[in-house]
Amino acid sequence: MITGLSHACFVVSDLEKSAEFYRDKLGLEAAFDLNIPEAGLRGVYLRVGGRTFIELFQGEPVPTPDEASYKHICLEVDDIEDTVKTLRERGVEVGDISLGKDRSYQAWLTDPDGNRIELHQFTAESLQIEALERLGG
């Protein structure tokens, strides 16, 4: 059955610029290029952590209306204050840190195509931690 999130995929307007953002600004590890000439696809995989990746493909991003099902991708961080500070030093515009209704810390940013990214740090009171303990994870 399902064991985890493998990857999230984004179509980006400038593959090099987006790969640089995720690699050099957010600090993700470049994993491999994925080029499929017969399909006209050119992309990259970047490792988020563990067995999870972000996949970027060159193309024309289609704006997503507010009522669409996709809203954002959420990246777990180990120290949200240090992460936000580091990203800001790298020139990334990151919103202020706040405590979400799930009792986890969060801060928001966007990639070069405007895709929303939530940075997320669990607390001892996070609803996700309570659920993991209940579910044996």
N, C-alpha and C. Protein backbone atom coordinates (compact mmCIF):
# COMPACT_ATOMS: atom_id res chain seq x y z
N MET A 1 0.83 -1.20 0.00
CA MET A 1 0.00 0.00 0.00
C MET A 1 0.88 1.26 0.00
N ILE A 2 0.26 2.37 0.21
CA ILE A 2 0.96 3.65 0.16
C ILE A 2 1.91 3.75 1.36
N THR A 3 3.15 4.15 1.08
CA THR A 3 4.15 4.24 2.15
C THR A 3 4.69 5.65 2.37
N GLY A 4 4.37 6.59 1.49
CA GLY A 4 4.87 7.95 1.66
C GLY A 4 4.64 8.77 0.42
N LEU A 5 5.08 10.00 0.46
CA LEU A 5 4.99 10.91 -0.67
C LEU A 5 6.28 10.80 -1.47
N SER A 6 6.17 10.39 -2.73
CA SER A 6 7.35 10.21 -3.58
C SER A 6 7.86 11.55 -4.09
N HIS A 7 6.98 12.32 -4.74
CA HIS A 7 7.39 13.62 -5.24
C HIS A 7 6.20 14.52 -5.52
N ALA A 8 6.49 15.80 -5.62
CA ALA A 8 5.54 16.79 -6.11
C ALA A 8 6.13 17.33 -7.40
N CYS A 9 5.29 17.54 -8.41
CA CYS A 9 5.77 17.96 -9.73
C CYS A 9 5.23 19.35 -10.06
N PHE A 10 6.12 20.20 -10.57
CA PHE A 10 5.73 21.53 -11.01
C PHE A 10 6.19 21.75 -12.44
N VAL A 11 5.34 22.37 -13.24
CA VAL A 11 5.74 22.88 -14.55
C VAL A 11 6.23 24.30 -14.30
N VAL A 12 7.43 24.60 -14.78
CA VAL A 12 8.04 25.90 -14.51
C VAL A 12 8.40 26.60 -15.82
N SER A 13 8.37 27.92 -15.80
CA SER A 13 8.63 28.68 -17.01
C SER A 13 10.11 28.76 -17.36
N ASP A 14 10.98 28.65 -16.37
CA ASP A 14 12.43 28.73 -16.59
C ASP A 14 13.08 27.66 -15.73
N LEU A 15 13.40 26.53 -16.35
CA LEU A 15 13.91 25.37 -15.61
C LEU A 15 15.18 25.70 -14.83
N GLU A 16 16.12 26.39 -15.45
CA GLU A 16 17.38 26.71 -14.77
C GLU A 16 17.14 27.61 -13.56
N LYS A 17 16.31 28.63 -13.74
CA LYS A 17 16.02 29.57 -12.65
C LYS A 17 15.32 28.85 -11.50
N SER A 18 14.36 27.99 -11.81
CA SER A 18 13.64 27.27 -10.77
C SER A 18 14.53 26.24 -10.08
N ALA A 19 15.35 25.53 -10.86
CA ALA A 19 16.27 24.56 -10.26
C ALA A 19 17.25 25.27 -9.32
N GLU A 20 17.73 26.44 -9.74
CA GLU A 20 18.63 27.21 -8.87
C GLU A 20 17.92 27.60 -7.58
N PHE A 21 16.66 28.04 -7.68
CA PHE A 21 15.91 28.44 -6.50
C PHE A 21 15.79 27.28 -5.51
N TYR A 22 15.33 26.13 -6.00
CA TYR A 22 15.13 24.99 -5.10
C TYR A 22 16.46 24.42 -4.60
N ARG A 23 17.48 24.45 -5.44
CA ARG A 23 18.79 23.90 -5.07
C ARG A 23 19.60 24.90 -4.24
N ASP A 24 19.83 26.09 -4.78
CA ASP A 24 20.74 27.04 -4.15
C ASP A 24 20.10 27.89 -3.07
N LYS A 25 18.83 28.20 -3.22
CA LYS A 25 18.16 29.03 -2.21
C LYS A 25 17.57 28.16 -1.10
N LEU A 26 16.78 27.13 -1.47
CA LEU A 26 16.16 26.29 -0.46
C LEU A 26 17.10 25.19 0.05
N GLY A 27 18.17 24.92 -0.68
CA GLY A 27 19.16 23.96 -0.22
C GLY A 27 18.84 22.51 -0.52
N LEU A 28 17.93 22.25 -1.48
CA LEU A 28 17.63 20.87 -1.83
C LEU A 28 18.77 20.30 -2.67
N GLU A 29 18.93 19.00 -2.59
CA GLU A 29 20.02 18.31 -3.28
C GLU A 29 19.61 17.91 -4.69
N ALA A 30 20.41 18.32 -5.70
CA ALA A 30 20.13 17.90 -7.07
C ALA A 30 20.28 16.38 -7.14
N ALA A 31 19.26 15.70 -7.68
CA ALA A 31 19.28 14.24 -7.74
C ALA A 31 19.64 13.75 -9.14
N PHE A 32 18.85 14.15 -10.14
CA PHE A 32 19.14 13.75 -11.52
C PHE A 32 18.31 14.57 -12.48
N ASP A 33 18.77 14.61 -13.74
CA ASP A 33 18.03 15.25 -14.82
C ASP A 33 17.14 14.19 -15.46
N LEU A 34 16.01 14.62 -15.95
CA LEU A 34 15.08 13.72 -16.64
C LEU A 34 14.72 14.37 -17.97
N ASN A 35 15.34 13.87 -19.02
CA ASN A 35 15.11 14.42 -20.35
C ASN A 35 14.51 13.34 -21.23
N ILE A 36 13.33 13.64 -21.77
CA ILE A 36 12.61 12.69 -22.63
C ILE A 36 12.36 13.39 -23.96
N PRO A 37 13.34 13.36 -24.87
CA PRO A 37 13.24 14.12 -26.12
C PRO A 37 11.99 13.80 -26.94
N GLU A 38 11.60 12.52 -27.01
CA GLU A 38 10.43 12.16 -27.83
C GLU A 38 9.13 12.75 -27.28
N ALA A 39 9.10 13.09 -26.01
CA ALA A 39 7.92 13.71 -25.42
C ALA A 39 8.09 15.21 -25.26
N GLY A 40 9.27 15.69 -25.63
CA GLY A 40 9.53 17.12 -25.49
C GLY A 40 9.66 17.56 -24.04
N LEU A 41 10.02 16.65 -23.16
CA LEU A 41 10.12 16.98 -21.74
C LEU A 41 11.57 17.14 -21.32
N ARG A 42 11.78 18.14 -20.52
CA ARG A 42 13.09 18.41 -19.94
C ARG A 42 12.87 18.77 -18.49
N GLY A 43 13.48 17.99 -17.58
CA GLY A 43 13.23 18.26 -16.18
C GLY A 43 14.36 17.87 -15.27
N VAL A 44 14.17 18.17 -13.99
CA VAL A 44 15.13 17.82 -12.96
C VAL A 44 14.39 17.30 -11.73
N TYR A 45 15.07 16.45 -11.01
CA TYR A 45 14.59 15.97 -9.71
C TYR A 45 15.51 16.53 -8.65
N LEU A 46 14.92 17.01 -7.55
CA LEU A 46 15.68 17.50 -6.41
C LEU A 46 15.19 16.76 -5.17
N ARG A 47 16.12 16.29 -4.38
CA ARG A 47 15.77 15.51 -3.18
C ARG A 47 15.41 16.45 -2.04
N VAL A 48 14.22 16.23 -1.48
CA VAL A 48 13.77 17.02 -0.34
C VAL A 48 14.37 16.44 0.93
N GLY A 49 14.35 15.13 1.05
CA GLY A 49 14.85 14.41 2.22
C GLY A 49 14.29 13.01 2.16
N GLY A 50 14.95 12.09 2.81
CA GLY A 50 14.48 10.71 2.78
C GLY A 50 14.30 10.24 1.35
N ARG A 51 13.10 9.77 1.03
CA ARG A 51 12.80 9.27 -0.31
C ARG A 51 11.85 10.22 -1.05
N THR A 52 11.85 11.49 -0.68
CA THR A 52 10.91 12.46 -1.25
C THR A 52 11.65 13.46 -2.14
N PHE A 53 11.04 13.75 -3.30
CA PHE A 53 11.64 14.62 -4.30
C PHE A 53 10.67 15.70 -4.75
N ILE A 54 11.22 16.76 -5.33
CA ILE A 54 10.45 17.73 -6.10
C ILE A 54 10.91 17.57 -7.54
N GLU A 55 9.95 17.48 -8.45
CA GLU A 55 10.21 17.28 -9.87
C GLU A 55 9.82 18.57 -10.59
N LEU A 56 10.72 19.10 -11.40
CA LEU A 56 10.46 20.32 -12.16
C LEU A 56 10.56 20.01 -13.65
N PHE A 57 9.56 20.45 -14.42
CA PHE A 57 9.59 20.29 -15.87
C PHE A 57 9.44 21.64 -16.54
N GLN A 58 10.25 21.87 -17.57
CA GLN A 58 10.17 23.08 -18.37
C GLN A 58 8.83 23.10 -19.11
N GLY A 59 8.15 24.22 -19.08
CA GLY A 59 6.88 24.35 -19.79
C GLY A 59 6.25 25.69 -19.51
N GLU A 60 4.95 25.76 -19.73
CA GLU A 60 4.19 26.98 -19.48
C GLU A 60 3.24 26.72 -18.32
N PRO A 61 3.57 27.24 -17.13
CA PRO A 61 2.68 27.04 -15.99
C PRO A 61 1.31 27.67 -16.26
N VAL A 62 0.28 26.97 -15.89
CA VAL A 62 -1.08 27.48 -16.04
C VAL A 62 -1.50 28.04 -14.69
N PRO A 63 -1.91 29.30 -14.66
CA PRO A 63 -2.35 29.87 -13.37
C PRO A 63 -3.46 29.03 -12.76
N THR A 64 -3.38 28.86 -11.46
CA THR A 64 -4.36 28.06 -10.73
C THR A 64 -5.34 28.98 -10.02
N PRO A 65 -6.63 28.87 -10.32
CA PRO A 65 -7.61 29.70 -9.60
C PRO A 65 -7.67 29.31 -8.13
N ASP A 66 -8.08 30.25 -7.29
CA ASP A 66 -8.12 30.01 -5.85
C ASP A 66 -8.95 28.80 -5.46
N GLU A 67 -9.96 28.47 -6.25
CA GLU A 67 -10.82 27.36 -5.89
C GLU A 67 -10.29 26.00 -6.35
N ALA A 68 -9.13 25.97 -6.97
CA ALA A 68 -8.56 24.69 -7.42
C ALA A 68 -8.12 23.87 -6.22
N SER A 69 -7.93 22.57 -6.43
CA SER A 69 -7.57 21.69 -5.33
C SER A 69 -6.13 21.89 -4.88
N TYR A 70 -5.22 22.27 -5.78
CA TYR A 70 -3.84 22.51 -5.37
C TYR A 70 -3.75 23.87 -4.69
N LYS A 71 -3.14 23.89 -3.52
CA LYS A 71 -2.95 25.15 -2.81
C LYS A 71 -1.48 25.46 -2.55
N HIS A 72 -0.72 24.44 -2.14
CA HIS A 72 0.69 24.66 -1.81
C HIS A 72 1.37 23.32 -1.56
N ILE A 73 2.69 23.38 -1.46
CA ILE A 73 3.46 22.24 -0.99
C ILE A 73 4.05 22.66 0.35
N CYS A 74 4.17 21.71 1.25
CA CYS A 74 4.65 21.99 2.59
C CYS A 74 5.94 21.21 2.82
N LEU A 75 6.99 21.92 3.21
CA LEU A 75 8.28 21.30 3.48
C LEU A 75 8.56 21.35 4.98
N GLU A 76 8.82 20.19 5.57
CA GLU A 76 9.14 20.14 6.99
C GLU A 76 10.58 20.61 7.20
N VAL A 77 10.78 21.43 8.22
CA VAL A 77 12.12 21.93 8.56
C VAL A 77 12.43 21.57 10.01
N ASP A 78 13.72 21.50 10.32
CA ASP A 78 14.11 21.13 11.69
C ASP A 78 14.20 22.33 12.62
N ASP A 79 14.42 23.53 12.09
CA ASP A 79 14.52 24.74 12.91
C ASP A 79 13.99 25.89 12.06
N ILE A 80 12.75 26.27 12.26
CA ILE A 80 12.11 27.24 11.37
C ILE A 80 12.75 28.62 11.47
N GLU A 81 13.17 29.02 12.67
CA GLU A 81 13.80 30.34 12.80
C GLU A 81 15.11 30.39 12.02
N ASP A 82 15.94 29.36 12.16
CA ASP A 82 17.21 29.32 11.43
C ASP A 82 16.97 29.20 9.93
N THR A 83 15.98 28.40 9.53
CA THR A 83 15.67 28.23 8.11
C THR A 83 15.23 29.55 7.48
N VAL A 84 14.31 30.25 8.13
CA VAL A 84 13.83 31.54 7.61
C VAL A 84 14.99 32.53 7.52
N LYS A 85 15.83 32.57 8.55
CA LYS A 85 16.98 33.49 8.55
C LYS A 85 17.91 33.17 7.38
N THR A 86 18.22 31.90 7.19
CA THR A 86 19.11 31.49 6.11
C THR A 86 18.53 31.82 4.74
N LEU A 87 17.24 31.53 4.56
CA LEU A 87 16.60 31.82 3.27
C LEU A 87 16.59 33.31 2.99
N ARG A 88 16.31 34.11 3.99
CA ARG A 88 16.34 35.56 3.79
C ARG A 88 17.73 36.03 3.43
N GLU A 89 18.77 35.45 4.06
CA GLU A 89 20.15 35.80 3.71
C GLU A 89 20.46 35.44 2.27
N ARG A 90 19.78 34.43 1.74
CA ARG A 90 19.97 34.00 0.35
C ARG A 90 19.09 34.79 -0.62
N GLY A 91 18.36 35.77 -0.12
CA GLY A 91 17.54 36.63 -0.97
C GLY A 91 16.13 36.15 -1.20
N VAL A 92 15.69 35.15 -0.45
CA VAL A 92 14.32 34.64 -0.60
C VAL A 92 13.39 35.46 0.29
N GLU A 93 12.27 35.89 -0.28
CA GLU A 93 11.26 36.60 0.51
C GLU A 93 10.42 35.57 1.24
N VAL A 94 10.52 35.58 2.57
CA VAL A 94 9.79 34.63 3.41
C VAL A 94 8.94 35.43 4.39
N GLY A 95 7.68 35.04 4.53
CA GLY A 95 6.80 35.70 5.49
C GLY A 95 7.23 35.42 6.92
N ASP A 96 6.56 36.07 7.84
CA ASP A 96 6.86 35.89 9.25
C ASP A 96 6.43 34.50 9.72
N ILE A 97 7.07 34.04 10.76
CA ILE A 97 6.74 32.75 11.38
C ILE A 97 5.50 32.93 12.23
N SER A 98 4.59 31.97 12.12
CA SER A 98 3.39 31.99 12.95
C SER A 98 3.06 30.58 13.40
N LEU A 99 2.23 30.49 14.41
CA LEU A 99 1.76 29.20 14.90
C LEU A 99 0.42 28.93 14.24
N GLY A 100 0.34 27.84 13.48
CA GLY A 100 -0.87 27.51 12.75
C GLY A 100 -1.92 26.86 13.64
N LYS A 101 -3.11 26.71 13.10
CA LYS A 101 -4.21 26.09 13.84
C LYS A 101 -3.92 24.62 14.14
N ASP A 102 -2.96 24.03 13.43
CA ASP A 102 -2.55 22.65 13.71
C ASP A 102 -1.48 22.60 14.81
N ARG A 103 -1.19 23.77 15.42
CA ARG A 103 -0.22 23.90 16.51
C ARG A 103 1.21 23.66 16.05
N SER A 104 1.48 23.88 14.77
CA SER A 104 2.81 23.77 14.19
C SER A 104 3.23 25.15 13.71
N TYR A 105 4.55 25.41 13.74
CA TYR A 105 5.05 26.67 13.23
C TYR A 105 5.08 26.64 11.71
N GLN A 106 4.83 27.80 11.11
CA GLN A 106 4.81 27.90 9.66
C GLN A 106 5.31 29.26 9.20
N ALA A 107 5.85 29.26 7.99
CA ALA A 107 6.24 30.49 7.30
C ALA A 107 6.05 30.21 5.82
N TRP A 108 5.74 31.24 5.05
CA TRP A 108 5.36 31.06 3.65
C TRP A 108 6.29 31.80 2.70
N LEU A 109 6.47 31.21 1.51
CA LEU A 109 7.23 31.82 0.43
C LEU A 109 6.68 31.31 -0.89
N THR A 110 7.19 31.85 -1.99
CA THR A 110 6.79 31.37 -3.31
C THR A 110 8.04 31.11 -4.14
N ASP A 111 7.92 30.19 -5.10
CA ASP A 111 9.03 29.93 -6.01
C ASP A 111 8.96 30.93 -7.16
N PRO A 112 9.89 30.88 -8.12
CA PRO A 112 9.89 31.88 -9.19
C PRO A 112 8.62 31.92 -10.05
N ASP A 113 7.83 30.84 -10.06
CA ASP A 113 6.57 30.84 -10.82
C ASP A 113 5.36 31.13 -9.95
N GLY A 114 5.58 31.49 -8.70
CA GLY A 114 4.48 31.85 -7.82
C GLY A 114 3.85 30.67 -7.09
N ASN A 115 4.43 29.47 -7.20
CA ASN A 115 3.91 28.32 -6.45
C ASN A 115 4.17 28.54 -4.97
N ARG A 116 3.13 28.39 -4.18
CA ARG A 116 3.25 28.64 -2.74
C ARG A 116 3.92 27.47 -2.04
N ILE A 117 4.81 27.82 -1.10
CA ILE A 117 5.54 26.83 -0.32
C ILE A 117 5.39 27.20 1.15
N GLU A 118 4.96 26.23 1.94
CA GLU A 118 4.87 26.40 3.39
C GLU A 118 6.06 25.71 4.03
N LEU A 119 6.75 26.42 4.90
CA LEU A 119 7.77 25.80 5.74
C LEU A 119 7.08 25.42 7.04
N HIS A 120 7.38 24.25 7.56
CA HIS A 120 6.58 23.68 8.64
C HIS A 120 7.49 23.04 9.68
N GLN A 121 7.33 23.43 10.94
CA GLN A 121 8.06 22.79 12.02
C GLN A 121 7.07 22.31 13.07
N PHE A 122 7.11 21.02 13.34
CA PHE A 122 6.24 20.45 14.36
C PHE A 122 6.65 20.96 15.74
N THR A 123 5.67 21.00 16.64
CA THR A 123 5.89 21.26 18.06
C THR A 123 5.43 20.01 18.80
N ALA A 124 5.70 19.95 20.09
CA ALA A 124 5.24 18.80 20.89
C ALA A 124 3.72 18.72 20.88
N GLU A 125 3.05 19.84 20.65
CA GLU A 125 1.59 19.88 20.65
C GLU A 125 0.97 19.79 19.26
N SER A 126 1.79 19.65 18.22
CA SER A 126 1.27 19.59 16.85
C SER A 126 0.25 18.46 16.70
N LEU A 127 -0.83 18.76 16.00
CA LEU A 127 -1.84 17.74 15.75
C LEU A 127 -1.25 16.57 14.96
N GLN A 128 -0.27 16.85 14.11
CA GLN A 128 0.37 15.78 13.33
C GLN A 128 1.12 14.83 14.26
N ILE A 129 1.80 15.36 15.27
CA ILE A 129 2.54 14.53 16.22
C ILE A 129 1.56 13.67 17.01
N GLU A 130 0.47 14.26 17.45
CA GLU A 130 -0.56 13.48 18.15
C GLU A 130 -1.06 12.35 17.26
N ALA A 131 -1.29 12.65 15.98
CA ALA A 131 -1.80 11.63 15.07
C ALA A 131 -0.75 10.54 14.85
N LEU A 132 0.52 10.92 14.67
CA LEU A 132 1.58 9.93 14.47
C LEU A 132 1.70 9.00 15.67
N GLU A 133 1.60 9.58 16.87
CA GLU A 133 1.67 8.75 18.07
C GLU A 133 0.49 7.79 18.13
N ARG A 134 -0.69 8.27 17.79
CA ARG A 134 -1.89 7.44 17.81
C ARG A 134 -1.83 6.34 16.76
N LEU A 135 -1.25 6.69 15.59
CA LEU A 135 -1.19 5.75 14.49
C LEU A 135 0.06 4.86 14.52
N GLY A 136 0.91 5.08 15.49
CA GLY A 136 2.11 4.26 15.62
C GLY A 136 3.21 4.62 14.65
N GLY A 137 3.31 5.91 14.27
CA GLY A 137 4.31 6.31 13.29
C GLY A 137 5.37 7.12 13.80
